[in-house]
Amino acid sequence: MSGINPTYLDLSGNKIRYLDNSAFRKQGQLQTLNLSESMLQCIGSDIFTDCTNLRTLSLSANNIPDISRSAFYGLERLEHLDLSNNNIQVINPVLLEFLSISTNRKNQQVSKLKHLNLAQNKMQSNLRSRTSHTTNNSVYEQIFRTQISTSVQAVYAPLWIGIHKG
């Protein structure tokens, strides 16, 4: 995307199965990126590293089965992340911790993520053994809150059902 410096980029509805790690290089001005309904099958490591001003990222309605631990590295200003309607089975807690609290260049912890949408994925309950086989959502929510910072203001779907330590 050399020579193009948009703040809003909508690539939704395309048949993009794979994104090269250089796809968003030098796109520090980008604030909103919509890659929904694009047939994406993976999100590689460090793909958004140069998108330092990205506030909204939609990856909904793709075929993403898992997410690299460093896929969202550099997104210190990310406020809205939509991963709904994918094939995600498990979210690594390290990824969630990174999204909820990060350290800026001044070595200060900052927290910007406000909305995380993981609805309509294929998450499995890996927490049952830790909750004495109870299915009370408040127990799952309590476990979820211990996994990541409470800075996330809205979580859509039963997010906590797919979280596991590993």
C-alpha atoms as a PDB file:
ATOM      1  CA  MET A   1       0.000   0.000   0.000  1.00  0.00           C
ATOM      2  CA  SER A   2       2.882   2.277  -0.722  1.00  0.00           C
ATOM      3  CA  GLY A   3       1.893   5.875  -1.306  1.00  0.00           C
ATOM      4  CA  ILE A   4      -1.620   5.391   0.123  1.00  0.00           C
ATOM      5  CA  ASN A   5      -2.149   6.665   3.669  1.00  0.00           C
ATOM      6  CA  PRO A   6      -5.812   6.222   4.620  1.00  0.00           C
ATOM      7  CA  THR A   7      -7.190   6.549   8.140  1.00  0.00           C
ATOM      8  CA  TYR A   8     -10.128   4.271   7.269  1.00  0.00           C
ATOM      9  CA  LEU A   9      -9.738   1.149   5.140  1.00  0.00           C
ATOM     10  CA  ASP A  10     -12.603  -1.206   4.317  1.00  0.00           C
ATOM     11  CA  LEU A  11     -11.531  -4.439   2.637  1.00  0.00           C
ATOM     12  CA  SER A  12     -14.599  -6.399   3.745  1.00  0.00           C
ATOM     13  CA  GLY A  13     -16.325  -8.855   1.450  1.00  0.00           C
ATOM     14  CA  ASN A  14     -13.230  -9.681  -0.562  1.00  0.00           C
ATOM     15  CA  LYS A  15     -11.829 -13.151  -1.102  1.00  0.00           C
ATOM     16  CA  ILE A  16      -8.642 -12.550   0.862  1.00  0.00           C
ATOM     17  CA  ARG A  17      -7.495 -15.857   2.339  1.00  0.00           C
ATOM     18  CA  TYR A  18      -4.018 -14.780   3.387  1.00  0.00           C
ATOM     19  CA  LEU A  19      -2.356 -11.499   4.337  1.00  0.00           C
ATOM     20  CA  ASP A  20       1.358 -11.082   3.893  1.00  0.00           C
ATOM     21  CA  ASN A  21       3.130  -9.742   6.998  1.00  0.00           C
ATOM     22  CA  SER A  22       4.027  -6.627   5.012  1.00  0.00           C
ATOM     23  CA  ALA A  23       0.415  -5.889   3.971  1.00  0.00           C
ATOM     24  CA  PHE A  24       0.037  -3.018   6.438  1.00  0.00           C
ATOM     25  CA  ARG A  25       3.613  -1.754   6.669  1.00  0.00           C
ATOM     26  CA  LYS A  26       3.977   1.980   7.128  1.00  0.00           C
ATOM     27  CA  GLN A  27       0.273   2.409   7.856  1.00  0.00           C
ATOM     28  CA  GLY A  28       0.692   4.253  11.159  1.00  0.00           C
ATOM     29  CA  GLN A  29      -2.092   6.695  10.304  1.00  0.00           C
ATOM     30  CA  LEU A  30      -4.703   3.909   9.907  1.00  0.00           C
ATOM     31  CA  GLN A  31      -7.417   4.173  12.587  1.00  0.00           C
ATOM     32  CA  THR A  32     -10.097   1.783  11.303  1.00  0.00           C
ATOM     33  CA  LEU A  33      -9.524  -1.445   9.407  1.00  0.00           C
ATOM     34  CA  ASN A  34     -12.371  -3.681   8.280  1.00  0.00           C
ATOM     35  CA  LEU A  35     -11.376  -7.134   7.034  1.00  0.00           C
ATOM     36  CA  SER A  36     -14.711  -8.810   7.784  1.00  0.00           C
ATOM     37  CA  GLU A  37     -16.246 -11.380   5.442  1.00  0.00           C
ATOM     38  CA  SER A  38     -12.969 -11.796   3.600  1.00  0.00           C
ATOM     39  CA  MET A  39     -12.347 -15.553   3.903  1.00  0.00           C
ATOM     40  CA  LEU A  40      -9.195 -15.002   5.975  1.00  0.00           C
ATOM     41  CA  GLN A  41      -7.778 -18.254   7.296  1.00  0.00           C
ATOM     42  CA  CYS A  42      -5.094 -16.941   9.625  1.00  0.00           C
ATOM     43  CA  ILE A  43      -3.724 -13.836  11.268  1.00  0.00           C
ATOM     44  CA  GLY A  44       0.051 -13.940  11.236  1.00  0.00           C
ATOM     45  CA  SER A  45       2.479 -12.665  13.820  1.00  0.00           C
ATOM     46  CA  ASP A  46       3.202  -8.949  13.903  1.00  0.00           C
ATOM     47  CA  ILE A  47       1.006  -8.227  10.871  1.00  0.00           C
ATOM     48  CA  PHE A  48      -0.388  -5.025  12.394  1.00  0.00           C
ATOM     49  CA  THR A  49       2.845  -3.826  14.038  1.00  0.00           C
ATOM     50  CA  ASP A  50       3.032  -0.617  12.009  1.00  0.00           C
ATOM     51  CA  CYS A  51      -0.642   0.237  12.592  1.00  0.00           C
ATOM     52  CA  THR A  52       0.145   2.070  15.815  1.00  0.00           C
ATOM     53  CA  ASN A  53      -2.931   4.336  15.658  1.00  0.00           C
ATOM     54  CA  LEU A  54      -5.434   1.583  14.887  1.00  0.00           C
ATOM     55  CA  ARG A  55      -8.495   1.955  17.120  1.00  0.00           C
ATOM     56  CA  THR A  56     -11.013  -0.359  15.425  1.00  0.00           C
ATOM     57  CA  LEU A  57     -10.228  -3.721  13.855  1.00  0.00           C
ATOM     58  CA  SER A  58     -12.916  -5.985  12.439  1.00  0.00           C
ATOM     59  CA  LEU A  59     -11.958  -9.516  11.531  1.00  0.00           C
ATOM     60  CA  SER A  60     -15.489 -10.906  11.826  1.00  0.00           C
ATOM     61  CA  ALA A  61     -17.023 -13.561   9.583  1.00  0.00           C
ATOM     62  CA  ASN A  62     -13.812 -15.131   8.342  1.00  0.00           C
ATOM     63  CA  ASN A  63     -12.397 -18.650   8.706  1.00  0.00           C
ATOM     64  CA  ILE A  64      -9.832 -17.884  11.402  1.00  0.00           C
ATOM     65  CA  PRO A  65      -9.258 -20.934  13.657  1.00  0.00           C
ATOM     66  CA  ASP A  66      -6.654 -19.406  15.977  1.00  0.00           C
ATOM     67  CA  ILE A  67      -4.683 -16.250  16.543  1.00  0.00           C
ATOM     68  CA  SER A  68      -0.961 -15.890  16.989  1.00  0.00           C
ATOM     69  CA  ARG A  69       0.141 -14.608  20.401  1.00  0.00           C
ATOM     70  CA  SER A  70       1.814 -11.662  18.703  1.00  0.00           C
ATOM     71  CA  ALA A  71      -0.817 -10.962  16.040  1.00  0.00           C
ATOM     72  CA  PHE A  72      -1.855  -7.712  17.685  1.00  0.00           C
ATOM     73  CA  TYR A  73       1.576  -6.560  18.780  1.00  0.00           C
ATOM     74  CA  GLY A  74       1.911  -2.784  18.529  1.00  0.00           C
ATOM     75  CA  LEU A  75      -1.814  -2.051  18.738  1.00  0.00           C
ATOM     76  CA  GLU A  76      -1.559  -0.014  21.921  1.00  0.00           C
ATOM     77  CA  ARG A  77      -4.508   2.202  20.948  1.00  0.00           C
ATOM     78  CA  LEU A  78      -6.894  -0.562  19.888  1.00  0.00           C
ATOM     79  CA  GLU A  79     -10.338   0.079  21.407  1.00  0.00           C
ATOM     80  CA  HIS A  80     -12.664  -2.192  19.397  1.00  0.00           C
ATOM     81  CA  LEU A  81     -11.792  -5.709  18.250  1.00  0.00           C
ATOM     82  CA  ASP A  82     -14.356  -7.855  16.467  1.00  0.00           C
ATOM     83  CA  LEU A  83     -13.418 -11.517  16.064  1.00  0.00           C
ATOM     84  CA  SER A  84     -16.997 -12.806  15.882  1.00  0.00           C
ATOM     85  CA  ASN A  85     -18.211 -15.481  13.473  1.00  0.00           C
ATOM     86  CA  ASN A  86     -14.901 -17.266  12.985  1.00  0.00           C
ATOM     87  CA  ASN A  87     -13.711 -20.767  13.844  1.00  0.00           C
ATOM     88  CA  ILE A  88     -11.790 -19.773  16.967  1.00  0.00           C
ATOM     89  CA  GLN A  89     -11.778 -22.581  19.510  1.00  0.00           C
ATOM     90  CA  VAL A  90      -9.353 -21.295  22.138  1.00  0.00           C
ATOM     91  CA  ILE A  91      -8.021 -17.876  23.062  1.00  0.00           C
ATOM     92  CA  ASN A  92      -4.639 -17.859  24.729  1.00  0.00           C
ATOM     93  CA  PRO A  93      -4.834 -15.758  27.945  1.00  0.00           C
ATOM     94  CA  VAL A  94      -1.475 -14.178  27.058  1.00  0.00           C
ATOM     95  CA  LEU A  95      -3.108 -12.652  23.990  1.00  0.00           C
ATOM     96  CA  LEU A  96      -5.950 -11.272  26.098  1.00  0.00           C
ATOM     97  CA  GLU A  97      -3.567  -9.855  28.663  1.00  0.00           C
ATOM     98  CA  PHE A  98      -1.617  -8.166  25.897  1.00  0.00           C
ATOM     99  CA  LEU A  99      -4.795  -6.621  24.483  1.00  0.00           C
ATOM    100  CA  SER A 100      -6.068  -5.386  27.815  1.00  0.00           C
ATOM    101  CA  ILE A 101      -2.852  -3.957  29.237  1.00  0.00           C
ATOM    102  CA  SER A 102       0.195  -2.887  27.308  1.00  0.00           C
ATOM    103  CA  THR A 103       3.291  -0.908  28.023  1.00  0.00           C
ATOM    104  CA  ASN A 104       3.783   2.197  25.938  1.00  0.00           C
ATOM    105  CA  ARG A 105       7.088   3.628  24.768  1.00  0.00           C
ATOM    106  CA  LYS A 106       7.425   5.582  28.027  1.00  0.00           C
ATOM    107  CA  ASN A 107       7.272   2.261  29.899  1.00  0.00           C
ATOM    108  CA  GLN A 108       3.819   3.065  31.261  1.00  0.00           C
ATOM    109  CA  GLN A 109       1.006   0.551  31.367  1.00  0.00           C
ATOM    110  CA  VAL A 110      -1.942   1.686  29.293  1.00  0.00           C
ATOM    111  CA  SER A 111      -5.306   0.124  28.697  1.00  0.00           C
ATOM    112  CA  LYS A 112      -7.471   1.071  25.750  1.00  0.00           C
ATOM    113  CA  LEU A 113      -9.451  -2.007  24.636  1.00  0.00           C
ATOM    114  CA  LYS A 114     -13.111  -1.339  25.385  1.00  0.00           C
ATOM    115  CA  HIS A 115     -15.027  -3.804  23.197  1.00  0.00           C
ATOM    116  CA  LEU A 116     -14.094  -7.368  22.349  1.00  0.00           C
ATOM    117  CA  ASN A 117     -16.519  -9.443  20.290  1.00  0.00           C
ATOM    118  CA  LEU A 118     -15.978 -13.198  20.166  1.00  0.00           C
ATOM    119  CA  ALA A 119     -19.583 -14.222  19.456  1.00  0.00           C
ATOM    120  CA  GLN A 120     -20.371 -17.166  17.207  1.00  0.00           C
ATOM    121  CA  ASN A 121     -17.051 -18.965  17.406  1.00  0.00           C
ATOM    122  CA  LYS A 122     -16.398 -22.611  18.208  1.00  0.00           C
ATOM    123  CA  MET A 123     -15.146 -22.137  21.730  1.00  0.00           C
ATOM    124  CA  GLN A 124     -15.241 -25.102  24.013  1.00  0.00           C
ATOM    125  CA  SER A 125     -15.522 -25.077  27.754  1.00  0.00           C
ATOM    126  CA  ASN A 126     -12.076 -25.810  29.144  1.00  0.00           C
ATOM    127  CA  LEU A 127     -12.893 -24.366  32.547  1.00  0.00           C
ATOM    128  CA  ARG A 128     -15.279 -26.972  33.886  1.00  0.00           C
ATOM    129  CA  SER A 129     -12.625 -28.726  35.956  1.00  0.00           C
ATOM    130  CA  ARG A 130     -11.745 -25.409  37.572  1.00  0.00           C
ATOM    131  CA  THR A 131     -15.350 -24.572  38.403  1.00  0.00           C
ATOM    132  CA  SER A 132     -16.370 -27.871  39.984  1.00  0.00           C
ATOM    133  CA  HIS A 133     -18.547 -28.689  36.983  1.00  0.00           C
ATOM    134  CA  THR A 134     -20.812 -25.745  37.601  1.00  0.00           C
ATOM    135  CA  THR A 135     -22.257 -23.970  34.601  1.00  0.00           C
ATOM    136  CA  ASN A 136     -23.136 -20.730  36.330  1.00  0.00           C
ATOM    137  CA  ASN A 137     -22.082 -17.901  34.006  1.00  0.00           C
ATOM    138  CA  SER A 138     -21.127 -15.707  36.952  1.00  0.00           C
ATOM    139  CA  VAL A 139     -18.448 -18.266  37.846  1.00  0.00           C
ATOM    140  CA  TYR A 140     -17.127 -18.180  34.284  1.00  0.00           C
ATOM    141  CA  GLU A 141     -17.242 -14.408  34.327  1.00  0.00           C
ATOM    142  CA  GLN A 142     -15.264 -14.338  37.579  1.00  0.00           C
ATOM    143  CA  ILE A 143     -12.618 -16.625  36.075  1.00  0.00           C
ATOM    144  CA  PHE A 144     -12.554 -14.498  32.926  1.00  0.00           C
ATOM    145  CA  ARG A 145     -11.989 -11.369  34.956  1.00  0.00           C
ATOM    146  CA  THR A 146      -9.038 -12.945  36.704  1.00  0.00           C
ATOM    147  CA  GLN A 147      -7.540 -13.819  33.324  1.00  0.00           C
ATOM    148  CA  ILE A 148      -7.417 -10.287  31.944  1.00  0.00           C
ATOM    149  CA  SER A 149      -7.728  -6.766  33.196  1.00  0.00           C
ATOM    150  CA  THR A 150     -11.195  -5.484  33.928  1.00  0.00           C
ATOM    151  CA  SER A 151     -10.497  -2.579  31.602  1.00  0.00           C
ATOM    152  CA  VAL A 152     -12.484  -4.237  28.831  1.00  0.00           C
ATOM    153  CA  GLN A 153     -15.861  -2.575  29.179  1.00  0.00           C
ATOM    154  CA  ALA A 154     -17.922  -4.842  26.950  1.00  0.00           C
ATOM    155  CA  VAL A 155     -17.415  -8.457  26.005  1.00  0.00           C
ATOM    156  CA  TYR A 156     -19.850 -10.016  23.589  1.00  0.00           C
ATOM    157  CA  ALA A 157     -20.687 -13.712  23.678  1.00  0.00           C
ATOM    158  CA  PRO A 158     -19.628 -16.341  26.167  1.00  0.00           C
ATOM    159  CA  LEU A 159     -15.969 -15.384  25.907  1.00  0.00           C
ATOM    160  CA  TRP A 160     -14.885 -17.080  29.099  1.00  0.00           C
ATOM    161  CA  ILE A 161     -15.954 -20.515  27.861  1.00  0.00           C
ATOM    162  CA  GLY A 162     -12.967 -20.799  25.511  1.00  0.00           C
ATOM    163  CA  ILE A 163     -10.223 -19.488  27.757  1.00  0.00           C
ATOM    164  CA  HIS A 164      -7.641 -21.952  28.944  1.00  0.00           C
ATOM    165  CA  LYS A 165      -4.190 -21.792  30.433  1.00  0.00           C
ATOM    166  CA  GLY A 166      -1.480 -23.244  28.326  1.00  0.00           C
END
